[in-house]
mmCIF file of all heavy atoms, coordinates in Angstrom:
data_MODEL
# 
_entry.id   MODEL 
# 
loop_
_atom_site.group_PDB 
_atom_site.id 
_atom_site.type_symbol 
_atom_site.label_atom_id 
_atom_site.label_alt_id 
_atom_site.label_comp_id 
_atom_site.label_asym_id 
_atom_site.label_entity_id 
_atom_site.label_seq_id 
_atom_site.pdbx_PDB_ins_code 
_atom_site.Cartn_x 
_atom_site.Cartn_y 
_atom_site.Cartn_z 
_atom_site.occupancy 
_atom_site.B_iso_or_equiv 
_atom_site.pdbx_formal_charge 
_atom_site.auth_seq_id 
_atom_site.auth_comp_id 
_atom_site.auth_asym_id 
_atom_site.auth_atom_id 
_atom_site.pdbx_PDB_model_num 
ATOM 1   N N   . PHE A 1 1  ? 13.138 -35.896 -8.832  1.00 0.00 ? 1  PHE A N   1 
ATOM 2   C CA  . PHE A 1 1  ? 14.536 -35.998 -9.146  1.00 0.00 ? 1  PHE A CA  1 
ATOM 3   C C   . PHE A 1 1  ? 14.786 -37.085 -10.175 1.00 0.00 ? 1  PHE A C   1 
ATOM 4   O O   . PHE A 1 1  ? 15.446 -36.839 -11.218 1.00 0.00 ? 1  PHE A O   1 
ATOM 5   C CB  . PHE A 1 1  ? 15.375 -36.196 -7.913  1.00 0.00 ? 1  PHE A CB  1 
ATOM 6   C CG  . PHE A 1 1  ? 16.847 -36.359 -8.218  1.00 0.00 ? 1  PHE A CG  1 
ATOM 7   C CD1 . PHE A 1 1  ? 17.625 -35.263 -8.386  1.00 0.00 ? 1  PHE A CD1 1 
ATOM 8   C CD2 . PHE A 1 1  ? 17.400 -37.645 -8.296  1.00 0.00 ? 1  PHE A CD2 1 
ATOM 9   C CE1 . PHE A 1 1  ? 18.948 -35.384 -8.675  1.00 0.00 ? 1  PHE A CE1 1 
ATOM 10  C CE2 . PHE A 1 1  ? 18.733 -37.784 -8.584  1.00 0.00 ? 1  PHE A CE2 1 
ATOM 11  C CZ  . PHE A 1 1  ? 19.551 -36.642 -8.804  1.00 0.00 ? 1  PHE A CZ  1 
ATOM 12  N N   . PHE A 1 2  ? 14.242 -38.258 -9.897  1.00 0.00 ? 2  PHE A N   1 
ATOM 13  C CA  . PHE A 1 2  ? 14.420 -39.348 -10.840 1.00 0.00 ? 2  PHE A CA  1 
ATOM 14  C C   . PHE A 1 2  ? 13.879 -39.061 -12.208 1.00 0.00 ? 2  PHE A C   1 
ATOM 15  O O   . PHE A 1 2  ? 14.493 -39.415 -13.236 1.00 0.00 ? 2  PHE A O   1 
ATOM 16  C CB  . PHE A 1 2  ? 13.836 -40.650 -10.330 1.00 0.00 ? 2  PHE A CB  1 
ATOM 17  C CG  . PHE A 1 2  ? 14.417 -41.156 -9.024  1.00 0.00 ? 2  PHE A CG  1 
ATOM 18  C CD1 . PHE A 1 2  ? 13.671 -41.858 -8.124  1.00 0.00 ? 2  PHE A CD1 1 
ATOM 19  C CD2 . PHE A 1 2  ? 15.764 -40.914 -8.688  1.00 0.00 ? 2  PHE A CD2 1 
ATOM 20  C CE1 . PHE A 1 2  ? 14.212 -42.319 -6.906  1.00 0.00 ? 2  PHE A CE1 1 
ATOM 21  C CE2 . PHE A 1 2  ? 16.337 -41.364 -7.523  1.00 0.00 ? 2  PHE A CE2 1 
ATOM 22  C CZ  . PHE A 1 2  ? 15.540 -42.092 -6.623  1.00 0.00 ? 2  PHE A CZ  1 
ATOM 23  N N   . ALA A 1 3  ? 12.698 -38.451 -12.263 1.00 0.00 ? 3  ALA A N   1 
ATOM 24  C CA  . ALA A 1 3  ? 12.041 -38.191 -13.542 1.00 0.00 ? 3  ALA A CA  1 
ATOM 25  C C   . ALA A 1 3  ? 12.622 -36.985 -14.301 1.00 0.00 ? 3  ALA A C   1 
ATOM 26  O O   . ALA A 1 3  ? 12.522 -36.934 -15.489 1.00 0.00 ? 3  ALA A O   1 
ATOM 27  C CB  . ALA A 1 3  ? 10.543 -37.959 -13.259 1.00 0.00 ? 3  ALA A CB  1 
ATOM 28  N N   . GLY A 1 4  ? 13.138 -36.040 -13.542 1.00 0.00 ? 4  GLY A N   1 
ATOM 29  C CA  . GLY A 1 4  ? 13.517 -34.797 -14.169 1.00 0.00 ? 4  GLY A CA  1 
ATOM 30  C C   . GLY A 1 4  ? 14.980 -34.405 -14.209 1.00 0.00 ? 4  GLY A C   1 
ATOM 31  O O   . GLY A 1 4  ? 15.344 -33.669 -15.158 1.00 0.00 ? 4  GLY A O   1 
ATOM 32  N N   . PHE A 1 5  ? 15.798 -34.843 -13.340 1.00 0.00 ? 5  PHE A N   1 
ATOM 33  C CA  . PHE A 1 5  ? 17.125 -34.265 -13.260 1.00 0.00 ? 5  PHE A CA  1 
ATOM 34  C C   . PHE A 1 5  ? 18.132 -34.953 -14.202 1.00 0.00 ? 5  PHE A C   1 
ATOM 35  O O   . PHE A 1 5  ? 18.794 -34.273 -15.021 1.00 0.00 ? 5  PHE A O   1 
ATOM 36  C CB  . PHE A 1 5  ? 17.668 -34.268 -11.838 1.00 0.00 ? 5  PHE A CB  1 
ATOM 37  C CG  . PHE A 1 5  ? 18.967 -33.563 -11.762 1.00 0.00 ? 5  PHE A CG  1 
ATOM 38  C CD1 . PHE A 1 5  ? 19.051 -32.175 -11.785 1.00 0.00 ? 5  PHE A CD1 1 
ATOM 39  C CD2 . PHE A 1 5  ? 20.166 -34.305 -11.695 1.00 0.00 ? 5  PHE A CD2 1 
ATOM 40  C CE1 . PHE A 1 5  ? 20.256 -31.509 -11.762 1.00 0.00 ? 5  PHE A CE1 1 
ATOM 41  C CE2 . PHE A 1 5  ? 21.378 -33.636 -11.674 1.00 0.00 ? 5  PHE A CE2 1 
ATOM 42  C CZ  . PHE A 1 5  ? 21.467 -32.296 -11.708 1.00 0.00 ? 5  PHE A CZ  1 
ATOM 43  N N   . PRO A 1 6  ? 18.396 -36.268 -14.131 1.00 0.00 ? 6  PRO A N   1 
ATOM 44  C CA  . PRO A 1 6  ? 19.515 -36.841 -14.854 1.00 0.00 ? 6  PRO A CA  1 
ATOM 45  C C   . PRO A 1 6  ? 19.477 -36.573 -16.365 1.00 0.00 ? 6  PRO A C   1 
ATOM 46  O O   . PRO A 1 6  ? 20.461 -36.142 -16.939 1.00 0.00 ? 6  PRO A O   1 
ATOM 47  C CB  . PRO A 1 6  ? 19.477 -38.333 -14.509 1.00 0.00 ? 6  PRO A CB  1 
ATOM 48  C CG  . PRO A 1 6  ? 18.774 -38.395 -13.187 1.00 0.00 ? 6  PRO A CG  1 
ATOM 49  C CD  . PRO A 1 6  ? 17.757 -37.295 -13.234 1.00 0.00 ? 6  PRO A CD  1 
ATOM 50  N N   . GLU A 1 7  ? 18.373 -36.962 -16.967 1.00 0.00 ? 7  GLU A N   1 
ATOM 51  C CA  . GLU A 1 7  ? 18.276 -36.795 -18.418 1.00 0.00 ? 7  GLU A CA  1 
ATOM 52  C C   . GLU A 1 7  ? 18.372 -35.278 -18.830 1.00 0.00 ? 7  GLU A C   1 
ATOM 53  O O   . GLU A 1 7  ? 19.037 -34.992 -19.840 1.00 0.00 ? 7  GLU A O   1 
ATOM 54  C CB  . GLU A 1 7  ? 16.938 -37.319 -18.907 1.00 0.00 ? 7  GLU A CB  1 
ATOM 55  C CG  . GLU A 1 7  ? 16.751 -37.183 -20.429 1.00 0.00 ? 7  GLU A CG  1 
ATOM 56  C CD  . GLU A 1 7  ? 17.799 -37.938 -21.260 1.00 0.00 ? 7  GLU A CD  1 
ATOM 57  O OE1 . GLU A 1 7  ? 18.372 -38.932 -20.805 1.00 0.00 ? 7  GLU A OE1 1 
ATOM 58  O OE2 . GLU A 1 7  ? 17.987 -37.527 -22.429 1.00 0.00 ? 7  GLU A OE2 1 
ATOM 59  N N   . ASN A 1 8  ? 17.799 -34.421 -18.088 1.00 0.00 ? 8  ASN A N   1 
ATOM 60  C CA  . ASN A 1 8  ? 17.829 -33.003 -18.417 1.00 0.00 ? 8  ASN A CA  1 
ATOM 61  C C   . ASN A 1 8  ? 19.183 -32.333 -18.144 1.00 0.00 ? 8  ASN A C   1 
ATOM 62  O O   . ASN A 1 8  ? 19.573 -31.429 -18.824 1.00 0.00 ? 8  ASN A O   1 
ATOM 63  C CB  . ASN A 1 8  ? 16.649 -32.271 -17.822 1.00 0.00 ? 8  ASN A CB  1 
ATOM 64  C CG  . ASN A 1 8  ? 15.375 -32.697 -18.493 1.00 0.00 ? 8  ASN A CG  1 
ATOM 65  O OD1 . ASN A 1 8  ? 15.267 -32.580 -19.714 1.00 0.00 ? 8  ASN A OD1 1 
ATOM 66  N ND2 . ASN A 1 8  ? 14.443 -33.167 -17.729 1.00 0.00 ? 8  ASN A ND2 1 
ATOM 67  N N   . PHE A 1 9  ? 19.868 -32.871 -17.191 1.00 0.00 ? 9  PHE A N   1 
ATOM 68  C CA  . PHE A 1 9  ? 21.278 -32.410 -16.969 1.00 0.00 ? 9  PHE A CA  1 
ATOM 69  C C   . PHE A 1 9  ? 22.140 -32.795 -18.181 1.00 0.00 ? 9  PHE A C   1 
ATOM 70  O O   . PHE A 1 9  ? 22.894 -32.017 -18.673 1.00 0.00 ? 9  PHE A O   1 
ATOM 71  C CB  . PHE A 1 9  ? 21.849 -33.070 -15.666 1.00 0.00 ? 9  PHE A CB  1 
ATOM 72  C CG  . PHE A 1 9  ? 23.261 -32.795 -15.474 1.00 0.00 ? 9  PHE A CG  1 
ATOM 73  C CD1 . PHE A 1 9  ? 23.742 -31.501 -15.197 1.00 0.00 ? 9  PHE A CD1 1 
ATOM 74  C CD2 . PHE A 1 9  ? 24.244 -33.781 -15.534 1.00 0.00 ? 9  PHE A CD2 1 
ATOM 75  C CE1 . PHE A 1 9  ? 25.079 -31.209 -14.980 1.00 0.00 ? 9  PHE A CE1 1 
ATOM 76  C CE2 . PHE A 1 9  ? 25.581 -33.570 -15.377 1.00 0.00 ? 9  PHE A CE2 1 
ATOM 77  C CZ  . PHE A 1 9  ? 25.987 -32.285 -15.082 1.00 0.00 ? 9  PHE A CZ  1 
ATOM 78  N N   . ALA A 1 10 ? 21.938 -34.054 -18.658 1.00 0.00 ? 10 ALA A N   1 
ATOM 79  C CA  . ALA A 1 10 ? 22.628 -34.467 -19.876 1.00 0.00 ? 10 ALA A CA  1 
ATOM 80  C C   . ALA A 1 10 ? 22.241 -33.637 -21.069 1.00 0.00 ? 10 ALA A C   1 
ATOM 81  O O   . ALA A 1 10 ? 23.106 -33.236 -21.870 1.00 0.00 ? 10 ALA A O   1 
ATOM 82  C CB  . ALA A 1 10 ? 22.353 -35.944 -20.168 1.00 0.00 ? 10 ALA A CB  1 
ATOM 83  N N   . GLN A 1 11 ? 20.924 -33.295 -21.225 1.00 0.00 ? 11 GLN A N   1 
ATOM 84  C CA  . GLN A 1 11 ? 20.496 -32.480 -22.352 1.00 0.00 ? 11 GLN A CA  1 
ATOM 85  C C   . GLN A 1 11 ? 21.164 -31.051 -22.240 1.00 0.00 ? 11 GLN A C   1 
ATOM 86  O O   . GLN A 1 11 ? 21.546 -30.546 -23.254 1.00 0.00 ? 11 GLN A O   1 
ATOM 87  C CB  . GLN A 1 11 ? 18.984 -32.347 -22.314 1.00 0.00 ? 11 GLN A CB  1 
ATOM 88  C CG  . GLN A 1 11 ? 18.262 -33.639 -22.741 1.00 0.00 ? 11 GLN A CG  1 
ATOM 89  C CD  . GLN A 1 11 ? 18.460 -33.972 -24.170 1.00 0.00 ? 11 GLN A CD  1 
ATOM 90  O OE1 . GLN A 1 11 ? 18.720 -33.153 -25.031 1.00 0.00 ? 11 GLN A OE1 1 
ATOM 91  N NE2 . GLN A 1 11 ? 18.395 -35.267 -24.424 1.00 0.00 ? 11 GLN A NE2 1 
ATOM 92  N N   . ALA A 1 12 ? 21.156 -30.523 -21.053 1.00 0.00 ? 12 ALA A N   1 
ATOM 93  C CA  . ALA A 1 12 ? 21.759 -29.192 -20.885 1.00 0.00 ? 12 ALA A CA  1 
ATOM 94  C C   . ALA A 1 12 ? 23.238 -29.196 -21.210 1.00 0.00 ? 12 ALA A C   1 
ATOM 95  O O   . ALA A 1 12 ? 23.826 -28.172 -21.704 1.00 0.00 ? 12 ALA A O   1 
ATOM 96  C CB  . ALA A 1 12 ? 21.490 -28.661 -19.493 1.00 0.00 ? 12 ALA A CB  1 
ATOM 97  N N   . THR A 1 13 ? 23.877 -30.343 -20.932 1.00 0.00 ? 13 THR A N   1 
ATOM 98  C CA  . THR A 1 13 ? 25.305 -30.441 -21.146 1.00 0.00 ? 13 THR A CA  1 
ATOM 99  C C   . THR A 1 13 ? 25.650 -30.670 -22.665 1.00 0.00 ? 13 THR A C   1 
ATOM 100 O O   . THR A 1 13 ? 26.541 -30.059 -23.169 1.00 0.00 ? 13 THR A O   1 
ATOM 101 C CB  . THR A 1 13 ? 25.891 -31.620 -20.323 1.00 0.00 ? 13 THR A CB  1 
ATOM 102 O OG1 . THR A 1 13 ? 25.578 -31.341 -18.954 1.00 0.00 ? 13 THR A OG1 1 
ATOM 103 C CG2 . THR A 1 13 ? 27.360 -31.738 -20.504 1.00 0.00 ? 13 THR A CG2 1 
ATOM 104 N N   . TRP A 1 14 ? 24.893 -31.523 -23.290 1.00 0.00 ? 14 TRP A N   1 
ATOM 105 C CA  . TRP A 1 14 ? 25.317 -31.998 -24.646 1.00 0.00 ? 14 TRP A CA  1 
ATOM 106 C C   . TRP A 1 14 ? 24.423 -31.534 -25.764 1.00 0.00 ? 14 TRP A C   1 
ATOM 107 O O   . TRP A 1 14 ? 24.822 -31.621 -26.929 1.00 0.00 ? 14 TRP A O   1 
ATOM 108 C CB  . TRP A 1 14 ? 25.341 -33.526 -24.627 1.00 0.00 ? 14 TRP A CB  1 
ATOM 109 C CG  . TRP A 1 14 ? 26.458 -34.077 -23.766 1.00 0.00 ? 14 TRP A CG  1 
ATOM 110 C CD1 . TRP A 1 14 ? 26.300 -34.603 -22.541 1.00 0.00 ? 14 TRP A CD1 1 
ATOM 111 C CD2 . TRP A 1 14 ? 27.832 -34.102 -24.060 1.00 0.00 ? 14 TRP A CD2 1 
ATOM 112 N NE1 . TRP A 1 14 ? 27.524 -34.947 -22.013 1.00 0.00 ? 14 TRP A NE1 1 
ATOM 113 C CE2 . TRP A 1 14 ? 28.479 -34.672 -22.931 1.00 0.00 ? 14 TRP A CE2 1 
ATOM 114 C CE3 . TRP A 1 14 ? 28.587 -33.717 -25.116 1.00 0.00 ? 14 TRP A CE3 1 
ATOM 115 C CZ2 . TRP A 1 14 ? 29.840 -34.851 -22.870 1.00 0.00 ? 14 TRP A CZ2 1 
ATOM 116 C CZ3 . TRP A 1 14 ? 29.968 -33.892 -25.061 1.00 0.00 ? 14 TRP A CZ3 1 
ATOM 117 C CH2 . TRP A 1 14 ? 30.570 -34.477 -23.908 1.00 0.00 ? 14 TRP A CH2 1 
ATOM 118 N N   . SER A 1 15 ? 23.201 -31.079 -25.550 1.00 0.00 ? 15 SER A N   1 
ATOM 119 C CA  . SER A 1 15 ? 22.329 -30.741 -26.630 1.00 0.00 ? 15 SER A CA  1 
ATOM 120 C C   . SER A 1 15 ? 22.655 -29.306 -27.133 1.00 0.00 ? 15 SER A C   1 
ATOM 121 O O   . SER A 1 15 ? 23.070 -28.425 -26.370 1.00 0.00 ? 15 SER A O   1 
ATOM 122 C CB  . SER A 1 15 ? 20.854 -30.746 -26.109 1.00 0.00 ? 15 SER A CB  1 
ATOM 123 O OG  . SER A 1 15 ? 19.986 -30.408 -27.149 1.00 0.00 ? 15 SER A OG  1 
ATOM 124 N N   . ALA A 1 16 ? 22.373 -29.098 -28.400 1.00 0.00 ? 16 ALA A N   1 
ATOM 125 C CA  . ALA A 1 16 ? 22.572 -27.797 -28.999 1.00 0.00 ? 16 ALA A CA  1 
ATOM 126 C C   . ALA A 1 16 ? 21.442 -26.807 -28.745 1.00 0.00 ? 16 ALA A C   1 
ATOM 127 O O   . ALA A 1 16 ? 21.584 -25.622 -29.054 1.00 0.00 ? 16 ALA A O   1 
ATOM 128 C CB  . ALA A 1 16 ? 22.779 -27.941 -30.498 1.00 0.00 ? 16 ALA A CB  1 
ATOM 129 N N   . VAL A 1 17 ? 20.338 -27.279 -28.095 1.00 0.00 ? 17 VAL A N   1 
ATOM 130 C CA  . VAL A 1 17 ? 19.209 -26.412 -27.853 1.00 0.00 ? 17 VAL A CA  1 
ATOM 131 C C   . VAL A 1 17 ? 19.495 -25.433 -26.654 1.00 0.00 ? 17 VAL A C   1 
ATOM 132 O O   . VAL A 1 17 ? 20.380 -25.755 -25.826 1.00 0.00 ? 17 VAL A O   1 
ATOM 133 C CB  . VAL A 1 17 ? 17.900 -27.194 -27.552 1.00 0.00 ? 17 VAL A CB  1 
ATOM 134 C CG1 . VAL A 1 17 ? 17.510 -28.048 -28.744 1.00 0.00 ? 17 VAL A CG1 1 
ATOM 135 C CG2 . VAL A 1 17 ? 18.012 -27.980 -26.306 1.00 0.00 ? 17 VAL A CG2 1 
ATOM 136 N N   . ASP A 1 18 ? 18.758 -24.385 -26.586 1.00 0.00 ? 18 ASP A N   1 
ATOM 137 C CA  . ASP A 1 18 ? 18.862 -23.398 -25.504 1.00 0.00 ? 18 ASP A CA  1 
ATOM 138 C C   . ASP A 1 18 ? 18.751 -24.183 -24.175 1.00 0.00 ? 18 ASP A C   1 
ATOM 139 O O   . ASP A 1 18 ? 17.860 -24.998 -23.993 1.00 0.00 ? 18 ASP A O   1 
ATOM 140 C CB  . ASP A 1 18 ? 17.701 -22.407 -25.705 1.00 0.00 ? 18 ASP A CB  1 
ATOM 141 C CG  . ASP A 1 18 ? 17.649 -21.327 -24.639 1.00 0.00 ? 18 ASP A CG  1 
ATOM 142 O OD1 . ASP A 1 18 ? 18.445 -21.347 -23.685 1.00 0.00 ? 18 ASP A OD1 1 
ATOM 143 O OD2 . ASP A 1 18 ? 16.808 -20.434 -24.795 1.00 0.00 ? 18 ASP A OD2 1 
ATOM 144 N N   . ARG A 1 19 ? 19.589 -23.849 -23.208 1.00 0.00 ? 19 ARG A N   1 
ATOM 145 C CA  . ARG A 1 19 ? 19.561 -24.546 -21.903 1.00 0.00 ? 19 ARG A CA  1 
ATOM 146 C C   . ARG A 1 19 ? 18.245 -24.284 -21.161 1.00 0.00 ? 19 ARG A C   1 
ATOM 147 O O   . ARG A 1 19 ? 17.946 -25.048 -20.246 1.00 0.00 ? 19 ARG A O   1 
ATOM 148 C CB  . ARG A 1 19 ? 20.739 -24.131 -21.044 1.00 0.00 ? 19 ARG A CB  1 
ATOM 149 C CG  . ARG A 1 19 ? 22.009 -24.814 -21.470 1.00 0.00 ? 19 ARG A CG  1 
ATOM 150 C CD  . ARG A 1 19 ? 23.134 -24.543 -20.538 1.00 0.00 ? 19 ARG A CD  1 
ATOM 151 N NE  . ARG A 1 19 ? 23.431 -23.146 -20.481 1.00 0.00 ? 19 ARG A NE  1 
ATOM 152 C CZ  . ARG A 1 19 ? 24.317 -22.608 -19.692 1.00 0.00 ? 19 ARG A CZ  1 
ATOM 153 N NH1 . ARG A 1 19 ? 25.024 -23.364 -18.839 1.00 0.00 ? 19 ARG A NH1 1 
ATOM 154 N NH2 . ARG A 1 19 ? 24.522 -21.296 -19.675 1.00 0.00 ? 19 ARG A NH2 1 
ATOM 155 N N   . ALA A 1 20 ? 17.492 -23.315 -21.564 1.00 0.00 ? 20 ALA A N   1 
ATOM 156 C CA  . ALA A 1 20 ? 16.194 -23.077 -20.871 1.00 0.00 ? 20 ALA A CA  1 
ATOM 157 C C   . ALA A 1 20 ? 15.243 -24.232 -21.161 1.00 0.00 ? 20 ALA A C   1 
ATOM 158 O O   . ALA A 1 20 ? 14.342 -24.451 -20.352 1.00 0.00 ? 20 ALA A O   1 
ATOM 159 C CB  . ALA A 1 20 ? 15.568 -21.740 -21.387 1.00 0.00 ? 20 ALA A CB  1 
ATOM 160 N N   . LEU A 1 21 ? 15.419 -24.909 -22.264 1.00 0.00 ? 21 LEU A N   1 
ATOM 161 C CA  . LEU A 1 21 ? 14.501 -26.047 -22.535 1.00 0.00 ? 21 LEU A CA  1 
ATOM 162 C C   . LEU A 1 21 ? 14.716 -27.226 -21.531 1.00 0.00 ? 21 LEU A C   1 
ATOM 163 O O   . LEU A 1 21 ? 13.774 -27.637 -20.829 1.00 0.00 ? 21 LEU A O   1 
ATOM 164 C CB  . LEU A 1 21 ? 14.705 -26.522 -24.017 1.00 0.00 ? 21 LEU A CB  1 
ATOM 165 C CG  . LEU A 1 21 ? 13.923 -25.712 -25.019 1.00 0.00 ? 21 LEU A CG  1 
ATOM 166 C CD1 . LEU A 1 21 ? 14.356 -26.089 -26.387 1.00 0.00 ? 21 LEU A CD1 1 
ATOM 167 C CD2 . LEU A 1 21 ? 12.448 -25.864 -24.851 1.00 0.00 ? 21 LEU A CD2 1 
ATOM 168 N N   . PRO A 1 22 ? 15.966 -27.698 -21.370 1.00 0.00 ? 22 PRO A N   1 
ATOM 169 C CA  . PRO A 1 22 ? 16.125 -28.759 -20.341 1.00 0.00 ? 22 PRO A CA  1 
ATOM 170 C C   . PRO A 1 22 ? 15.830 -28.240 -18.890 1.00 0.00 ? 22 PRO A C   1 
ATOM 171 O O   . PRO A 1 22 ? 15.313 -29.027 -18.124 1.00 0.00 ? 22 PRO A O   1 
ATOM 172 C CB  . PRO A 1 22 ? 17.616 -29.152 -20.478 1.00 0.00 ? 22 PRO A CB  1 
ATOM 173 C CG  . PRO A 1 22 ? 18.135 -28.561 -21.705 1.00 0.00 ? 22 PRO A CG  1 
ATOM 174 C CD  . PRO A 1 22 ? 17.156 -27.533 -22.172 1.00 0.00 ? 22 PRO A CD  1 
ATOM 175 N N   . PHE A 1 23 ? 16.080 -27.031 -18.700 1.00 0.00 ? 23 PHE A N   1 
ATOM 176 C CA  . PHE A 1 23 ? 15.732 -26.459 -17.350 1.00 0.00 ? 23 PHE A CA  1 
ATOM 177 C C   . PHE A 1 23 ? 14.213 -26.505 -17.185 1.00 0.00 ? 23 PHE A C   1 
ATOM 178 O O   . PHE A 1 23 ? 13.697 -26.905 -16.161 1.00 0.00 ? 23 PHE A O   1 
ATOM 179 C CB  . PHE A 1 23 ? 16.198 -25.010 -17.186 1.00 0.00 ? 23 PHE A CB  1 
ATOM 180 C CG  . PHE A 1 23 ? 15.744 -24.351 -15.966 1.00 0.00 ? 23 PHE A CG  1 
ATOM 181 C CD1 . PHE A 1 23 ? 16.285 -24.725 -14.741 1.00 0.00 ? 23 PHE A CD1 1 
ATOM 182 C CD2 . PHE A 1 23 ? 14.692 -23.447 -15.990 1.00 0.00 ? 23 PHE A CD2 1 
ATOM 183 C CE1 . PHE A 1 23 ? 15.805 -24.098 -13.545 1.00 0.00 ? 23 PHE A CE1 1 
ATOM 184 C CE2 . PHE A 1 23 ? 14.229 -22.853 -14.799 1.00 0.00 ? 23 PHE A CE2 1 
ATOM 185 C CZ  . PHE A 1 23 ? 14.802 -23.144 -13.611 1.00 0.00 ? 23 PHE A CZ  1 
ATOM 186 N N   . GLY A 1 24 ? 13.463 -26.077 -18.202 1.00 0.00 ? 24 GLY A N   1 
ATOM 187 C CA  . GLY A 1 24 ? 11.977 -26.126 -18.125 1.00 0.00 ? 24 GLY A CA  1 
ATOM 188 C C   . GLY A 1 24 ? 11.493 -27.555 -18.028 1.00 0.00 ? 24 GLY A C   1 
ATOM 189 O O   . GLY A 1 24 ? 10.609 -27.822 -17.211 1.00 0.00 ? 24 GLY A O   1 
ATOM 190 N N   . TRP A 1 25 ? 12.101 -28.469 -18.787 1.00 0.00 ? 25 TRP A N   1 
ATOM 191 C CA  . TRP A 1 25 ? 11.669 -29.865 -18.651 1.00 0.00 ? 25 TRP A CA  1 
ATOM 192 C C   . TRP A 1 25 ? 11.952 -30.401 -17.215 1.00 0.00 ? 25 TRP A C   1 
ATOM 193 O O   . TRP A 1 25 ? 11.157 -31.166 -16.660 1.00 0.00 ? 25 TRP A O   1 
ATOM 194 C CB  . TRP A 1 25 ? 12.429 -30.712 -19.682 1.00 0.00 ? 25 TRP A CB  1 
ATOM 195 C CG  . TRP A 1 25 ? 12.176 -30.358 -21.100 1.00 0.00 ? 25 TRP A CG  1 
ATOM 196 C CD1 . TRP A 1 25 ? 11.076 -29.720 -21.664 1.00 0.00 ? 25 TRP A CD1 1 
ATOM 197 C CD2 . TRP A 1 25 ? 13.152 -30.495 -22.141 1.00 0.00 ? 25 TRP A CD2 1 
ATOM 198 N NE1 . TRP A 1 25 ? 11.274 -29.510 -22.981 1.00 0.00 ? 25 TRP A NE1 1 
ATOM 199 C CE2 . TRP A 1 25 ? 12.529 -30.023 -23.329 1.00 0.00 ? 25 TRP A CE2 1 
ATOM 200 C CE3 . TRP A 1 25 ? 14.374 -31.009 -22.283 1.00 0.00 ? 25 TRP A CE3 1 
ATOM 201 C CZ2 . TRP A 1 25 ? 13.106 -30.015 -24.584 1.00 0.00 ? 25 TRP A CZ2 1 
ATOM 202 C CZ3 . TRP A 1 25 ? 15.024 -31.004 -23.483 1.00 0.00 ? 25 TRP A CZ3 1 
ATOM 203 C CH2 . TRP A 1 25 ? 14.366 -30.521 -24.662 1.00 0.00 ? 25 TRP A CH2 1 
ATOM 204 N N   . MET A 1 26 ? 13.080 -30.012 -16.687 1.00 0.00 ? 26 MET A N   1 
ATOM 205 C CA  . MET A 1 26 ? 13.416 -30.487 -15.316 1.00 0.00 ? 26 MET A CA  1 
ATOM 206 C C   . MET A 1 26 ? 12.447 -29.983 -14.279 1.00 0.00 ? 26 MET A C   1 
ATOM 207 O O   . MET A 1 26 ? 11.979 -30.756 -13.491 1.00 0.00 ? 26 MET A O   1 
ATOM 208 C CB  . MET A 1 26 ? 14.896 -30.077 -14.966 1.00 0.00 ? 26 MET A CB  1 
ATOM 209 C CG  . MET A 1 26 ? 15.290 -30.555 -13.621 1.00 0.00 ? 26 MET A CG  1 
ATOM 210 S SD  . MET A 1 26 ? 16.741 -29.812 -12.933 1.00 0.00 ? 26 MET A SD  1 
ATOM 211 C CE  . MET A 1 26 ? 16.268 -28.103 -12.714 1.00 0.00 ? 26 MET A CE  1 
# 
């Protein structure tokens, strides 16, 4: 959770990339 969730939640929210990328990273 610490390594994968907060930053990738922010990426999914604010980044222009496909949300599948932050989901995959998470």
